[in-house]
Amino acid sequence: MALPGNGDPAREPPAPVAERREVTCALRDGTRLRTVLLVPHGTGPWPALLTRHPYDVTREEHDGMLDVGRLVAAGYLVALQDVRGRFGSEGVFAPCAQEVADGADAVAWLAALPECTGAVGMWGASYASETQFSALLGGAPALRAIAPAMTPAMSALDGFRFRGGVPEIGSTLAWTHYAIAPGLIARVGSAGEREAERKRWEATERAIATGDAFRAGALHSGPDAESIVVWGLDGLREPLGSAHHRAGKIVDRIDAIDVPVFLTGGWFDVFLGSTLEIYRRLLHRARETGGPVPRLLVGPWSHGDMSGRTAGVDFGPGASADDLGGGGDLTERHVRWFDAALRSGTADTPPVRVFLMGSNRWVELEEFPPRGTRTLELYLGSGGSLAAEPTGSGERRLTSDPASPVPTRGGAVLLFAPFEAGPADQAAIESRQDVVSWRTAPLAGELTVMGAVHAVVHLATTGTDADVVVRLCDEHPDGSSLVIADGVQRGSARFVDPVTGLGDRRPVEPGRDQEFVVDLWSTAHTFLPGHRVRVDIAPSSSPRWDVGRNVFEPGPAGRTAAPTAAEYTIRHGAARPSRLVLRVVTTAPR
């Protein structure tokens, strides 16, 4: 006799999904979107959970961020929807901008189904996080809770299209060319135009393989690329203050986010800055208005990998989305949170859970960064020293050569092979002549950083513009140097707000010492005894960021200037205090 759950169909527990339906959701303009409905056992109605994205939602049934079968088993009507112009849905795909009206329509349609109670929650990562905020912006009263992960929804200027005023050319190419273009090409109705687009795709592929796609000046050379790549690159050519960058973003509309929000991020995610900025602004708003306090979960993850193993580093058991170290898994935490938000269940406390790298454990907090953090300034000094006090005046020089940019290695990136995100060893990069480093003495005890990180660099250049890349690294006793956080700032954009785009670009004055403030976003990392805190400064990181030409480009008329090599002089000492600024805790929370 077969034991229960051991192969006897009569005694197996019922499948979590009672019924799977493939239906269409009609939008206000008549466009029909393919939607997969997963219906629970029993008698409804049920609250609904919706995800919308352009990556073929049928994949969610077997390989999604959350286990949709368990969502249904928990008593939720689950809806998986291809956005307009993608896979089973009709229409023409217009990234980001289309999702405001479409998202509001989709929520209203789902809420009106007889199987739904009228209450809808949404979840999903990346583009599927933007569709959640867009639905709120479009006016969706039935949308009662959202759970965005790895989200670029705050602003196009802080990790989505730009970082520190520098175009994110690598991630733009990775997304448009690899994630979106093949599906769009397959939908082209004319065989001739479909073949022409396929050939343009192949041309882009060759340009990526040879590096021509991201060499200095490539952004303005008008490549013969497929249409979605042209769309992406056109966005990088737009002025920082362009209204185009606000489409689908919440930078001006944080007041519209008036429902409970559960944010998930990764310390090596390209959208970490946006995720944490949304958290900070929602927390501030909650304190002012008494509204819902946002929930935050941040793991040692990259944009596409939540395994807890990346760039050759294994953060140990309990570091993955499948095992949150005693906190269940990602699906379980979402179910508990949706139960609280949509069914008046008991809320998880405390509201913040972050993975503390180095110590390799989760910590629970009332807020991030935790109360009681203090500022620690480590000053760049003579002989490559990094210390709590300036150690004498001096300078270090490097040559910024656009023809030979510093290659990207690890960090919070979203790129194509072989460029992997995560805490990659920088030793090979640090040996280059155009990378200069400073480091502390070996630490006598633990040093725990929890919160924002930025660098202040006093620099003079022979050019009229300059890019300053800064990396915070953990140098191990064996000599390996693992990147923990990084950032970039273009000199001509140093007076432009990195989130709103407000402010004027202006040239750098050659030969004059100027202060660059470089935002490395945030981290939670313990530097262990015997390790060193290390800072690297470089003029580029390619293919991640557009390679600067050391020439100020005021507008279209200036975009034909040839790249030129420039000499950077980084100065330090009491009069010119170049430094790393960290938020640290005296005792790491348990």
Protein backbone atom coordinates (compact mmCIF):
# COMPACT_ATOMS: atom_id res chain seq x y z
CA MET A 1 0.00 0.00 0.00
CA ALA A 2 1.31 3.43 -0.87
CA LEU A 3 1.69 5.86 2.02
CA PRO A 4 -0.15 9.22 1.87
CA GLY A 5 1.79 11.70 -0.22
CA ASN A 6 3.91 8.90 -1.63
CA GLY A 7 2.34 8.25 -5.01
CA ASP A 8 -1.28 7.27 -4.31
CA PRO A 9 -3.38 9.79 -6.29
CA ALA A 10 -6.39 9.16 -4.09
CA ARG A 11 -4.50 10.20 -0.99
CA GLU A 12 -2.33 13.01 -2.36
CA PRO A 13 -3.15 16.50 -1.02
CA PRO A 14 -5.04 18.57 -3.58
CA ALA A 15 -3.00 20.76 -5.94
CA PRO A 16 -2.93 24.35 -4.71
CA VAL A 17 -4.51 25.61 -7.93
CA ALA A 18 -8.09 24.48 -8.46
CA GLU A 19 -8.37 25.99 -11.92
CA ARG A 20 -6.09 27.66 -14.43
CA ARG A 21 -7.73 29.98 -16.94
CA GLU A 22 -6.15 31.93 -19.78
CA VAL A 23 -8.34 34.99 -20.34
CA THR A 24 -8.07 38.48 -21.80
CA CYS A 25 -8.23 41.79 -19.99
CA ALA A 26 -9.69 44.53 -22.21
CA LEU A 27 -8.17 47.98 -21.70
CA ARG A 28 -10.00 51.27 -22.20
CA ASP A 29 -8.82 51.48 -25.82
CA GLY A 30 -9.93 47.92 -26.59
CA THR A 31 -6.44 46.36 -26.49
CA ARG A 32 -6.60 42.86 -25.01
CA LEU A 33 -3.93 41.62 -22.62
CA ARG A 34 -3.29 37.92 -22.02
CA THR A 35 -3.89 37.10 -18.39
CA VAL A 36 -3.44 33.79 -16.62
CA LEU A 37 -5.84 33.38 -13.70
CA LEU A 38 -5.01 30.84 -11.00
CA VAL A 39 -8.11 30.11 -8.92
CA PRO A 40 -7.99 28.63 -5.39
CA HIS A 41 -9.97 25.67 -4.11
CA GLY A 42 -13.18 26.42 -2.30
CA THR A 43 -15.77 29.13 -2.62
CA GLY A 44 -14.68 32.68 -3.32
CA PRO A 45 -14.49 35.51 -3.63
CA TRP A 46 -10.84 36.03 -2.72
CA PRO A 47 -8.48 39.00 -2.61
CA ALA A 48 -6.35 39.06 -5.76
CA LEU A 49 -2.62 39.30 -6.36
CA LEU A 50 -1.43 40.61 -9.72
CA THR A 51 1.92 40.81 -11.47
CA ARG A 52 2.44 42.52 -14.85
CA HIS A 53 5.64 42.46 -16.91
CA PRO A 54 7.08 42.04 -20.43
CA TYR A 55 8.92 38.72 -19.91
CA ASP A 56 6.22 36.07 -20.61
CA VAL A 57 4.18 35.69 -17.45
CA THR A 58 3.70 31.95 -17.93
CA ARG A 59 7.25 31.64 -16.59
CA GLU A 60 5.91 32.82 -13.23
CA GLU A 61 4.05 29.54 -12.87
CA HIS A 62 7.28 27.61 -12.49
CA ASP A 63 10.23 29.99 -12.11
CA GLY A 64 9.11 33.28 -10.62
CA MET A 65 10.31 35.42 -7.75
CA LEU A 66 7.48 33.99 -5.64
CA ASP A 67 5.91 30.53 -5.64
CA VAL A 68 2.52 31.34 -7.19
CA GLY A 69 1.12 27.95 -6.21
CA ARG A 70 1.63 28.83 -2.57
CA LEU A 71 0.01 32.23 -3.09
CA VAL A 72 -3.07 30.46 -4.44
CA ALA A 73 -2.96 27.88 -1.63
CA ALA A 74 -2.96 30.78 0.84
CA GLY A 75 -6.33 31.85 -0.56
CA TYR A 76 -5.45 34.42 -3.22
CA LEU A 77 -6.81 34.72 -6.74
CA VAL A 78 -3.57 35.12 -8.70
CA ALA A 79 -3.37 36.99 -12.00
CA LEU A 80 -0.32 36.91 -14.27
CA GLN A 81 -0.42 39.43 -17.12
CA ASP A 82 1.72 40.19 -20.17
CA VAL A 83 1.92 43.95 -20.65
CA ARG A 84 0.82 45.62 -23.87
CA GLY A 85 2.77 44.51 -26.93
CA ARG A 86 4.50 41.55 -25.29
CA PHE A 87 4.01 37.79 -25.74
CA GLY A 88 0.28 36.97 -25.60
CA SER A 89 -0.95 40.57 -25.36
CA GLU A 90 -2.03 42.84 -28.17
CA GLY A 91 -0.71 46.29 -28.98
CA VAL A 92 2.61 48.04 -29.40
CA PHE A 93 5.11 48.00 -26.55
CA ALA A 94 6.04 51.49 -25.31
CA PRO A 95 8.19 50.86 -22.23
CA CYS A 96 7.27 52.50 -18.95
CA ALA A 97 4.96 55.24 -20.25
CA GLN A 98 2.15 52.84 -21.23
CA GLU A 99 1.88 51.30 -17.80
CA VAL A 100 0.15 54.16 -15.98
CA ALA A 101 -3.19 53.87 -17.78
CA ASP A 102 -2.82 50.16 -18.55
CA GLY A 103 -1.99 49.31 -14.94
CA ALA A 104 -5.00 51.19 -13.59
CA ASP A 105 -7.25 49.45 -16.11
CA ALA A 106 -5.84 46.02 -15.25
CA VAL A 107 -6.41 46.50 -11.52
CA ALA A 108 -9.99 47.72 -12.08
CA TRP A 109 -10.72 44.75 -14.37
CA LEU A 110 -9.35 42.24 -11.87
CA ALA A 111 -11.16 43.81 -8.90
CA ALA A 112 -14.48 43.59 -10.78
CA LEU A 113 -14.25 39.85 -11.43
CA PRO A 114 -16.85 37.84 -9.47
CA GLU A 115 -14.03 35.70 -8.02
CA CYS A 116 -12.40 38.79 -6.44
CA THR A 117 -13.38 40.56 -3.24
CA GLY A 118 -12.48 43.88 -4.83
CA ALA A 119 -9.15 44.11 -3.03
CA VAL A 120 -5.99 43.76 -5.13
CA GLY A 121 -2.31 43.54 -4.25
CA MET A 122 0.62 43.51 -6.66
CA TRP A 123 4.11 42.05 -6.57
CA GLY A 124 7.13 41.69 -8.81
CA ALA A 125 10.70 42.75 -9.49
CA SER A 126 12.30 45.21 -11.90
CA TYR A 127 9.81 46.15 -14.66
CA ALA A 128 7.15 44.30 -12.66
CA SER A 129 7.87 46.69 -9.80
CA GLU A 130 7.39 49.74 -12.02
CA THR A 131 3.99 48.49 -13.16
CA GLN A 132 2.87 48.58 -9.53
CA PHE A 133 3.78 52.21 -8.97
CA SER A 134 2.41 53.08 -12.40
CA ALA A 135 -0.99 51.60 -11.54
CA LEU A 136 -1.13 53.79 -8.44
CA LEU A 137 -0.16 56.84 -10.48
CA GLY A 138 -2.95 55.99 -12.92
CA GLY A 139 -5.57 55.92 -10.21
CA ALA A 140 -6.43 52.42 -8.97
CA PRO A 141 -8.56 52.56 -5.82
CA ALA A 142 -8.82 48.76 -5.65
CA LEU A 143 -5.03 48.48 -5.36
CA ARG A 144 -4.54 48.16 -1.60
CA ALA A 145 -0.90 46.99 -1.27
CA ILE A 146 2.21 46.67 -3.44
CA ALA A 147 5.40 44.63 -3.05
CA PRO A 148 7.99 46.03 -5.48
CA ALA A 149 11.43 44.41 -5.68
CA MET A 150 14.67 45.66 -7.27
CA THR A 151 12.80 48.74 -8.38
CA PRO A 152 13.92 51.62 -10.62
CA ALA A 153 10.63 53.47 -10.06
CA MET A 154 12.03 56.40 -8.06
CA SER A 155 13.93 58.20 -10.78
CA ALA A 156 15.54 57.61 -14.16
CA LEU A 157 18.63 59.49 -13.01
CA ASP A 158 19.93 57.30 -10.18
CA GLY A 159 20.75 53.90 -11.63
CA PHE A 160 18.12 53.47 -14.35
CA ARG A 161 19.43 55.64 -17.20
CA PHE A 162 22.10 57.61 -15.36
CA ARG A 163 24.24 57.52 -12.24
CA GLY A 164 25.97 60.68 -11.09
CA GLY A 165 25.15 62.22 -14.46
CA VAL A 166 26.86 59.38 -16.38
CA PRO A 167 24.74 57.32 -18.80
CA GLU A 168 24.19 53.70 -17.75
CA ILE A 169 25.03 52.45 -21.23
CA GLY A 170 25.84 48.87 -20.18
CA SER A 171 22.54 48.09 -18.49
CA THR A 172 20.61 49.90 -21.22
CA LEU A 173 22.19 47.66 -23.85
CA ALA A 174 21.74 44.55 -21.71
CA TRP A 175 18.01 45.17 -21.22
CA THR A 176 16.99 46.45 -24.64
CA HIS A 177 19.13 44.10 -26.74
CA TYR A 178 18.87 40.86 -24.78
CA ALA A 179 15.67 41.03 -22.70
CA ILE A 180 13.34 42.89 -25.05
CA ALA A 181 14.52 42.98 -28.67
CA PRO A 182 14.13 39.26 -29.58
CA GLY A 183 10.46 39.23 -28.63
CA LEU A 184 9.74 42.49 -30.44
CA ILE A 185 11.49 41.30 -33.58
CA ALA A 186 9.41 38.10 -33.60
CA ARG A 187 6.22 40.22 -33.60
CA VAL A 188 7.13 42.33 -36.64
CA GLY A 189 4.43 41.64 -39.22
CA SER A 190 6.38 42.31 -42.39
CA ALA A 191 8.84 39.56 -43.26
CA GLY A 192 11.16 42.09 -44.88
CA GLU A 193 11.21 44.44 -41.91
CA ARG A 194 11.53 41.49 -39.51
CA GLU A 195 14.63 40.36 -41.39
CA ALA A 196 16.01 43.91 -41.39
CA GLU A 197 15.50 44.14 -37.62
CA ARG A 198 17.16 40.76 -37.17
CA LYS A 199 20.20 41.99 -39.09
CA ARG A 200 20.31 45.14 -36.97
CA TRP A 201 20.17 42.88 -33.88
CA GLU A 202 23.16 40.96 -35.21
CA ALA A 203 25.01 44.23 -35.80
CA THR A 204 24.39 45.23 -32.18
CA GLU A 205 25.56 41.81 -31.05
CA ARG A 206 28.82 42.24 -32.95
CA ALA A 207 29.29 45.72 -31.53
CA ILE A 208 28.83 44.42 -27.98
CA ALA A 209 31.24 41.53 -28.62
CA THR A 210 33.95 43.85 -29.99
CA GLY A 211 33.33 46.63 -27.47
CA ASP A 212 32.40 49.15 -30.17
CA ALA A 213 28.92 49.51 -28.64
CA PHE A 214 30.32 51.16 -25.51
CA ARG A 215 33.60 52.76 -26.58
CA ALA A 216 34.07 56.48 -25.88
CA GLY A 217 31.73 58.43 -28.13
CA ALA A 218 29.62 55.42 -29.15
CA LEU A 219 26.52 56.88 -27.54
CA HIS A 220 26.44 59.74 -30.04
CA SER A 221 27.60 57.92 -33.17
CA GLY A 222 24.11 56.81 -34.28
CA PRO A 223 24.54 53.00 -34.39
CA ASP A 224 22.53 50.93 -36.86
CA ALA A 225 20.70 49.12 -34.06
CA GLU A 226 17.30 47.51 -33.69
CA SER A 227 14.49 49.89 -32.75
CA ILE A 228 14.29 49.12 -29.03
CA VAL A 229 18.04 49.65 -28.62
CA VAL A 230 17.70 52.99 -30.42
CA TRP A 231 14.88 53.83 -27.99
CA GLY A 232 17.16 53.03 -25.06
CA LEU A 233 20.13 54.98 -26.36
CA ASP A 234 17.90 57.93 -27.26
CA GLY A 235 16.94 58.07 -23.60
CA LEU A 236 20.60 58.36 -22.62
CA ARG A 237 21.00 61.28 -25.02
CA GLU A 238 18.17 63.25 -23.40
CA PRO A 239 19.17 66.13 -21.09
CA LEU A 240 19.12 65.23 -17.41
CA GLY A 241 16.17 67.56 -16.79
CA SER A 242 14.05 66.12 -19.60
CA ALA A 243 10.42 65.29 -18.91
CA HIS A 244 11.09 61.99 -20.72
CA HIS A 245 12.95 60.75 -17.64
CA ARG A 246 9.89 61.28 -15.44
CA ALA A 247 7.58 58.98 -17.40
CA GLY A 248 6.33 56.24 -15.08
CA LYS A 249 8.56 57.43 -12.22
CA ILE A 250 7.39 58.60 -8.80
CA VAL A 251 10.03 61.30 -8.25
CA ASP A 252 7.34 64.01 -8.26
CA ARG A 253 4.48 61.85 -6.97
CA ILE A 254 5.52 60.25 -3.71
CA ASP A 255 2.19 61.53 -2.33
CA ALA A 256 0.37 59.09 -4.65
CA ILE A 257 1.90 56.12 -2.82
CA ASP A 258 -0.71 55.89 -0.07
CA VAL A 259 -0.94 52.12 0.38
CA PRO A 260 1.24 49.66 2.35
CA VAL A 261 4.52 48.97 0.54
CA PHE A 262 6.91 46.02 0.98
CA LEU A 263 10.25 46.77 -0.72
CA THR A 264 12.83 44.12 -1.55
CA GLY A 265 16.36 45.00 -2.65
CA GLY A 266 19.83 43.60 -3.14
CA TRP A 267 23.16 45.05 -2.05
CA PHE A 268 24.49 44.38 -5.56
CA ASP A 269 21.37 45.38 -7.48
CA VAL A 270 21.65 48.11 -10.10
CA PHE A 271 18.49 49.67 -8.62
CA LEU A 272 19.53 49.59 -4.96
CA GLY A 273 19.72 53.39 -4.84
CA SER A 274 16.18 53.78 -6.15
CA THR A 275 14.81 51.10 -3.81
CA LEU A 276 16.35 52.72 -0.73
CA GLU A 277 15.36 56.25 -1.78
CA ILE A 278 11.75 55.13 -2.09
CA TYR A 279 12.01 53.55 1.36
CA ARG A 280 13.48 56.75 2.87
CA ARG A 281 10.80 58.98 1.37
CA LEU A 282 7.93 56.68 2.31
CA LEU A 283 9.25 56.38 5.86
CA HIS A 284 9.49 60.17 6.13
CA ARG A 285 5.96 60.52 4.79
CA ALA A 286 4.64 57.87 7.19
CA ARG A 287 6.10 59.77 10.13
CA GLU A 288 4.55 63.02 8.94
CA THR A 289 1.11 61.66 8.10
CA GLY A 290 0.72 58.59 10.28
CA GLY A 291 0.33 56.47 7.15
CA PRO A 292 1.63 52.93 6.65
CA VAL A 293 5.29 52.38 7.51
CA PRO A 294 7.11 50.78 4.58
CA ARG A 295 8.63 47.32 4.96
CA LEU A 296 12.15 46.67 3.71
CA LEU A 297 14.09 43.48 2.98
CA VAL A 298 17.60 43.66 1.50
CA GLY A 299 19.72 40.60 0.79
CA PRO A 300 23.22 39.93 -0.57
CA TRP A 301 21.70 39.72 -4.02
CA SER A 302 22.16 41.11 -7.51
CA HIS A 303 19.42 42.11 -9.93
CA GLY A 304 18.94 38.63 -11.32
CA ASP A 305 20.38 36.36 -8.63
CA MET A 306 18.88 35.89 -5.17
CA SER A 307 20.82 32.72 -4.36
CA GLY A 308 23.27 34.36 -1.95
CA ARG A 309 26.16 33.18 -4.12
CA THR A 310 27.62 35.63 -6.60
CA ALA A 311 30.97 36.70 -8.07
CA GLY A 312 32.67 33.74 -6.40
CA VAL A 313 31.42 34.60 -2.90
CA ASP A 314 29.05 32.35 -0.95
CA PHE A 315 27.30 34.26 1.82
CA GLY A 316 26.40 31.03 3.55
CA PRO A 317 23.24 29.16 4.52
CA GLY A 318 20.25 31.39 5.01
CA ALA A 319 21.38 34.00 2.47
CA SER A 320 19.01 33.09 -0.36
CA ALA A 321 15.42 33.97 -1.20
CA ASP A 322 14.61 30.31 -0.52
CA ASP A 323 16.05 30.46 3.00
CA LEU A 324 16.06 33.77 4.84
CA GLY A 325 17.94 32.41 7.82
CA GLY A 326 15.09 31.67 10.21
CA GLY A 327 12.76 34.15 8.59
CA GLY A 328 11.12 31.65 6.27
CA ASP A 329 11.52 32.22 2.57
CA LEU A 330 10.55 35.10 0.30
CA THR A 331 7.14 33.65 -0.56
CA GLU A 332 6.25 33.04 3.08
CA ARG A 333 7.17 36.61 4.04
CA HIS A 334 5.06 37.98 1.21
CA VAL A 335 2.06 35.84 2.17
CA ARG A 336 2.24 37.03 5.78
CA TRP A 337 2.56 40.63 4.66
CA PHE A 338 -0.29 40.45 2.15
CA ASP A 339 -2.44 38.78 4.81
CA ALA A 340 -1.80 41.78 7.06
CA ALA A 341 -2.36 44.34 4.31
CA LEU A 342 -5.37 42.80 2.58
CA ARG A 343 -7.00 40.72 5.33
CA SER A 344 -6.24 42.68 8.51
CA GLY A 345 -3.82 40.04 9.68
CA THR A 346 -0.95 40.52 12.11
CA ALA A 347 1.89 42.58 10.68
CA ASP A 348 5.43 41.26 10.74
CA THR A 349 7.64 43.13 13.20
CA PRO A 350 10.10 44.70 13.10
CA PRO A 351 9.59 46.27 9.67
CA VAL A 352 13.16 46.00 8.35
CA ARG A 353 15.29 42.92 7.72
CA VAL A 354 18.70 43.30 6.07
CA PHE A 355 21.58 40.93 5.48
CA LEU A 356 24.79 42.03 7.19
CA MET A 357 27.60 40.98 4.88
CA GLY A 358 30.95 40.06 6.37
CA SER A 359 29.18 38.74 9.45
CA ASN A 360 26.87 36.88 7.03
CA ARG A 361 23.68 37.03 9.04
CA TRP A 362 20.32 38.77 8.95
CA VAL A 363 19.47 41.58 11.33
CA GLU A 364 16.02 42.97 12.12
CA LEU A 365 15.60 46.69 12.64
CA GLU A 366 12.94 49.30 13.24
CA GLU A 367 14.40 51.37 10.41
CA PHE A 368 17.37 51.53 8.05
CA PRO A 369 19.89 52.79 8.81
CA PRO A 370 19.38 51.83 12.46
CA ARG A 371 19.19 54.41 15.18
CA GLY A 372 22.51 55.09 16.85
CA THR A 373 24.68 55.09 13.75
CA ARG A 374 27.48 57.64 13.68
CA THR A 375 29.58 59.19 10.96
CA LEU A 376 33.10 57.88 10.41
CA GLU A 377 35.36 59.83 8.07
CA LEU A 378 38.44 58.09 6.72
CA TYR A 379 40.90 60.45 5.08
CA LEU A 380 43.01 59.72 2.04
CA GLY A 381 46.61 60.24 3.11
CA SER A 382 50.23 60.01 2.13
CA GLY A 383 51.63 56.65 1.10
CA GLY A 384 48.17 55.33 0.23
CA SER A 385 47.02 55.45 3.85
CA LEU A 386 43.38 55.71 4.90
CA ALA A 387 42.93 56.96 8.45
CA ALA A 388 40.56 58.76 10.82
CA GLU A 389 42.70 61.91 10.67
CA PRO A 390 44.48 63.60 7.74
CA THR A 391 48.09 62.40 7.63
CA GLY A 392 49.78 65.12 5.63
CA SER A 393 49.22 66.94 2.36
CA GLY A 394 49.97 65.27 -0.93
CA GLU A 395 48.66 64.25 -4.28
CA ARG A 396 48.30 61.22 -6.54
CA ARG A 397 48.04 61.35 -10.31
CA LEU A 398 46.48 59.15 -12.96
CA THR A 399 45.79 59.44 -16.66
CA SER A 400 42.23 59.17 -17.92
CA ASP A 401 42.54 57.66 -21.38
CA PRO A 402 39.15 57.14 -23.08
CA ALA A 403 40.80 54.75 -25.54
CA SER A 404 41.70 52.39 -22.69
CA PRO A 405 38.93 52.54 -20.07
CA VAL A 406 39.06 50.67 -16.78
CA PRO A 407 36.99 47.48 -17.18
CA THR A 408 33.97 46.84 -14.98
CA ARG A 409 34.46 44.08 -12.46
CA GLY A 410 31.56 43.27 -10.16
CA GLY A 411 29.54 45.80 -8.22
CA ALA A 412 25.85 46.66 -8.47
CA VAL A 413 25.56 46.00 -12.18
CA LEU A 414 23.07 44.62 -14.71
CA LEU A 415 25.24 43.57 -17.64
CA PHE A 416 25.87 40.84 -20.19
CA ALA A 417 28.42 38.03 -19.99
CA PRO A 418 31.15 37.93 -18.84
CA PHE A 419 30.39 40.91 -16.57
CA GLU A 420 28.91 39.56 -13.34
CA ALA A 421 27.42 41.50 -10.45
CA GLY A 422 28.61 41.09 -6.88
CA PRO A 423 31.64 41.42 -4.60
CA ALA A 424 34.22 40.59 -7.27
CA ASP A 425 37.94 40.68 -6.47
CA GLN A 426 39.42 43.95 -7.71
CA ALA A 427 43.09 42.92 -7.49
CA ALA A 428 43.63 42.81 -11.25
CA ILE A 429 41.89 46.16 -11.73
CA GLU A 430 43.81 47.79 -8.88
CA SER A 431 47.11 46.96 -10.55
CA ARG A 432 46.35 49.31 -13.45
CA GLN A 433 48.17 52.64 -13.67
CA ASP A 434 44.88 54.53 -13.89
CA VAL A 435 43.51 53.13 -10.62
CA VAL A 436 44.81 54.58 -7.35
CA SER A 437 44.06 53.11 -3.92
CA TRP A 438 44.18 53.94 -0.24
CA ARG A 439 43.73 51.49 2.63
CA THR A 440 43.60 51.38 6.40
CA ALA A 441 45.96 49.41 8.58
CA PRO A 442 44.66 45.92 9.41
CA LEU A 443 41.68 46.35 11.71
CA ALA A 444 42.11 45.36 15.36
CA GLY A 445 38.37 44.75 15.76
CA GLU A 446 35.18 44.61 13.75
CA LEU A 447 33.98 47.69 11.87
CA THR A 448 30.31 47.55 10.86
CA VAL A 449 29.00 49.92 8.21
CA MET A 450 25.21 50.25 8.07
CA GLY A 451 23.85 53.04 5.95
CA ALA A 452 24.89 55.59 3.37
CA VAL A 453 28.41 55.75 1.95
CA HIS A 454 29.91 58.61 -0.03
CA ALA A 455 33.31 59.94 -0.95
CA VAL A 456 34.60 63.50 -1.21
CA VAL A 457 37.41 63.79 -3.75
CA HIS A 458 39.46 66.94 -4.37
CA LEU A 459 40.54 66.69 -7.97
CA ALA A 460 42.06 68.82 -10.71
CA THR A 461 42.04 67.77 -14.36
CA THR A 462 43.55 69.00 -17.59
CA GLY A 463 40.20 68.45 -19.35
CA THR A 464 36.93 70.34 -19.26
CA ASP A 465 35.03 67.39 -17.83
CA ALA A 466 35.94 64.37 -15.70
CA ASP A 467 34.39 61.17 -14.40
CA VAL A 468 35.34 59.97 -10.93
CA VAL A 469 34.58 56.33 -10.06
CA VAL A 470 34.98 55.35 -6.39
CA ARG A 471 34.85 51.83 -4.97
CA LEU A 472 34.68 50.77 -1.33
CA CYS A 473 36.45 47.42 -0.96
CA ASP A 474 37.07 44.90 1.79
CA GLU A 475 40.72 43.86 1.53
CA HIS A 476 41.18 40.40 3.02
CA PRO A 477 44.38 39.20 4.70
CA ASP A 478 45.14 37.06 1.63
CA GLY A 479 45.31 40.21 -0.52
CA SER A 480 41.98 39.83 -2.28
CA SER A 481 40.02 43.06 -2.49
CA LEU A 482 36.24 42.60 -2.75
CA VAL A 483 34.06 45.49 -3.89
CA ILE A 484 31.28 46.31 -1.41
CA ALA A 485 29.82 49.51 -2.90
CA ASP A 486 30.67 51.84 -5.75
CA GLY A 487 29.57 55.02 -7.48
CA VAL A 488 30.45 57.57 -10.14
CA GLN A 489 30.17 61.33 -10.61
CA ARG A 490 30.62 63.31 -13.81
CA GLY A 491 32.15 66.70 -13.13
CA SER A 492 29.80 68.63 -15.38
CA ALA A 493 26.80 67.18 -13.50
CA ARG A 494 28.03 67.75 -9.96
CA PHE A 495 25.49 70.57 -9.43
CA VAL A 496 22.57 68.51 -10.77
CA ASP A 497 20.31 66.78 -8.25
CA PRO A 498 20.82 63.03 -8.87
CA VAL A 499 17.14 62.20 -8.29
CA THR A 500 15.18 65.14 -9.70
CA GLY A 501 17.60 66.29 -12.42
CA LEU A 502 17.26 69.89 -11.26
CA GLY A 503 20.34 72.07 -11.68
CA ASP A 504 22.64 73.12 -14.47
CA ARG A 505 25.46 71.22 -16.10
CA ARG A 506 28.62 73.24 -16.42
CA PRO A 507 32.20 72.57 -17.52
CA VAL A 508 35.04 71.72 -15.21
CA GLU A 509 37.71 74.42 -15.12
CA PRO A 510 41.02 72.86 -16.19
CA GLY A 511 43.78 72.92 -13.59
CA ARG A 512 41.53 74.08 -10.76
CA ASP A 513 41.03 71.96 -7.65
CA GLN A 514 37.36 71.01 -7.42
CA GLU A 515 35.36 68.93 -4.99
CA PHE A 516 33.57 65.85 -6.32
CA VAL A 517 31.01 64.21 -4.04
CA VAL A 518 30.46 60.61 -5.16
CA ASP A 519 27.43 58.71 -3.85
CA LEU A 520 28.15 55.00 -3.27
CA TRP A 521 24.54 54.43 -2.15
CA SER A 522 24.38 52.26 1.01
CA THR A 523 25.53 48.97 2.44
CA ALA A 524 25.43 46.73 5.50
CA HIS A 525 28.85 45.15 5.88
CA THR A 526 31.18 44.13 8.68
CA PHE A 527 34.91 44.46 8.08
CA LEU A 528 36.41 41.69 10.20
CA PRO A 529 39.58 41.91 12.34
CA GLY A 530 42.69 41.68 10.18
CA HIS A 531 40.87 43.06 7.13
CA ARG A 532 41.42 46.52 5.69
CA VAL A 533 39.00 49.17 4.42
CA ARG A 534 40.15 50.07 0.94
CA VAL A 535 39.18 52.88 -1.45
CA ASP A 536 39.86 52.79 -5.19
CA ILE A 537 39.52 55.80 -7.48
CA ALA A 538 39.41 55.43 -11.26
CA PRO A 539 38.31 57.52 -14.26
CA SER A 540 35.96 54.94 -15.77
CA SER A 541 34.20 51.60 -15.47
CA SER A 542 33.28 50.13 -18.84
CA PRO A 543 30.94 48.76 -20.12
CA ARG A 544 28.89 49.72 -17.09
CA TRP A 545 29.09 53.48 -17.55
CA ASP A 546 29.52 55.60 -20.66
CA VAL A 547 33.23 56.32 -21.13
CA GLY A 548 33.76 60.03 -20.62
CA ARG A 549 35.71 61.98 -23.22
CA ASN A 550 37.20 64.53 -20.79
CA VAL A 551 35.46 67.21 -22.87
CA PHE A 552 32.42 69.19 -21.72
CA GLU A 553 29.46 68.62 -24.04
CA PRO A 554 26.91 71.42 -23.52
CA GLY A 555 24.39 70.06 -26.03
CA PRO A 556 23.95 68.55 -29.48
CA ALA A 557 26.38 71.00 -31.05
CA GLY A 558 29.15 69.84 -28.76
CA ARG A 559 28.65 66.13 -29.26
CA THR A 560 31.18 65.78 -32.05
CA ALA A 561 34.19 66.56 -29.85
CA ALA A 562 36.83 63.85 -30.06
CA PRO A 563 37.82 61.99 -26.89
CA THR A 564 41.06 63.21 -25.37
CA ALA A 565 43.33 61.92 -22.63
CA ALA A 566 43.49 64.00 -19.45
CA GLU A 567 45.61 63.97 -16.33
CA TYR A 568 43.83 63.81 -12.99
CA THR A 569 45.48 65.07 -9.82
CA ILE A 570 43.83 63.86 -6.61
CA ARG A 571 44.82 65.99 -3.63
CA HIS A 572 44.54 65.14 0.05
CA GLY A 573 45.42 66.55 3.43
CA ALA A 574 43.92 68.98 5.94
CA ALA A 575 43.53 71.77 3.35
CA ARG A 576 41.98 69.45 0.74
CA PRO A 577 40.34 66.70 2.80
CA SER A 578 39.59 63.94 0.30
CA ARG A 579 37.81 61.30 2.33
CA LEU A 580 35.44 58.37 2.58
CA VAL A 581 32.34 59.02 4.70
CA LEU A 582 30.63 56.01 6.31
CA ARG A 583 27.71 55.43 8.64
CA VAL A 584 28.86 52.92 11.25
CA VAL A 585 27.46 51.31 14.40
CA THR A 586 29.40 50.89 17.61
CA THR A 587 27.96 47.43 18.13
CA ALA A 588 26.41 45.47 15.29
CA PRO A 589 22.75 44.63 15.99
CA ARG A 590 21.99 40.99 16.71
